[in-house]
Protein backbone atom coordinates (compact mmCIF):
# COMPACT_ATOMS: atom_id res chain seq x y z
CA MET A 1 -0.04 0.00 0.00
CA LYS A 2 1.63 3.40 -0.78
CA ILE A 3 2.12 5.90 1.90
CA SER A 4 -0.08 8.49 0.58
CA LYS A 5 -2.87 5.83 1.41
CA LEU A 6 -1.92 4.79 4.56
CA VAL A 7 -1.82 8.47 6.10
CA LYS A 8 -5.10 8.78 4.43
CA THR A 9 -6.56 5.92 5.87
CA PHE A 10 -5.17 7.09 8.95
CA LYS A 11 -6.48 10.70 9.01
CA THR A 12 -10.11 9.26 8.72
CA TYR A 13 -8.83 7.07 12.01
CA PHE A 14 -8.07 10.13 13.65
CA SER A 15 -11.17 11.86 13.70
CA TRP A 16 -13.27 8.83 14.79
CA ASP A 17 -14.93 8.86 18.19
CA LYS A 18 -14.10 6.15 20.84
CA LYS A 19 -16.75 4.20 19.96
CA GLU A 20 -16.22 3.54 16.54
CA VAL A 21 -12.51 2.99 17.34
CA LYS A 22 -13.71 -0.05 19.41
CA LYS A 23 -16.14 -1.16 16.96
CA ASN A 24 -13.01 -1.12 14.42
CA THR A 25 -10.21 -2.15 16.20
CA VAL A 26 -9.73 -5.32 14.10
CA GLU A 27 -9.09 -2.83 10.94
CA ILE A 28 -7.40 -0.36 13.00
CA ASN A 29 -4.90 -3.32 14.05
CA LYS A 30 -4.31 -4.60 10.42
CA MET A 31 -3.53 -0.84 9.41
CA ILE A 32 -0.88 -0.65 12.01
CA LYS A 33 0.64 -3.68 11.16
CA GLU A 34 0.83 -2.40 7.49
CA LEU A 35 2.55 0.45 8.57
CA TYR A 36 5.03 -2.03 10.40
CA ASN A 37 5.60 -3.78 7.11
CA LYS A 38 6.35 -0.51 5.20
CA LYS A 39 8.62 0.76 7.65
CA GLN A 40 10.36 -2.62 7.23
CA SER A 41 10.63 -2.61 3.49
CA ILE A 42 11.65 1.12 3.48
CA GLU A 43 14.80 -0.04 6.02
CA ASP A 44 15.49 -2.89 3.77
CA LYS A 45 16.04 -0.61 0.85
CA LEU A 46 17.59 1.88 2.71
CA LYS A 47 20.09 -0.80 3.38
CA GLU A 48 20.61 -1.69 -0.04
CA CYS A 49 20.37 1.57 -1.52
CA GLU A 50 23.50 3.00 -3.49
CA LYS A 51 22.69 6.58 -4.36
CA LYS A 52 22.47 9.30 -2.29
CA LYS A 53 19.35 10.98 -3.86
CA ASP A 54 17.45 7.56 -3.49
CA GLU A 55 18.72 7.19 -0.12
CA LYS A 56 17.74 10.55 0.74
CA LYS A 57 14.00 10.13 -0.15
CA LEU A 58 13.85 6.94 1.27
CA GLU A 59 14.73 8.24 4.51
CA GLU A 60 11.96 10.81 4.37
CA LYS A 61 9.69 8.55 3.82
CA ARG A 62 10.76 5.98 6.73
CA LYS A 63 10.81 9.38 8.99
CA ALA A 64 6.87 10.07 7.86
CA ILE A 65 5.95 5.98 8.70
CA LYS A 66 7.81 6.31 12.23
CA LYS A 67 5.84 9.54 12.82
CA LEU A 68 2.75 7.94 12.14
CA ILE A 69 3.13 4.90 13.67
CA LYS A 70 4.16 6.92 16.86
CA LYS A 71 0.72 9.14 16.66
CA ALA A 72 -1.58 5.71 16.06
CA LYS A 73 0.30 4.02 19.00
CA LYS A 74 -0.79 7.33 21.19
CA GLU A 75 -4.27 7.27 19.76
CA PHE A 76 -5.15 3.57 19.57
CA ILE A 77 -2.73 1.52 21.79
């Protein structure tokens, strides 16, 4: 899943009230796992990356995913 789609999905989740969050915990947990998988794949690509330009883009993506994971943990866990 693309990062932009993950961000949009979590923005929707953050706007929910507590009742909706409780109803959709399975869906939210699945998305959090998707975030961790995305973070891991970006870190793997970073290890293999040789070009500085690509490395910089991957690092920005990794930081964005990391922030989103932190915010999701704070909100839902």
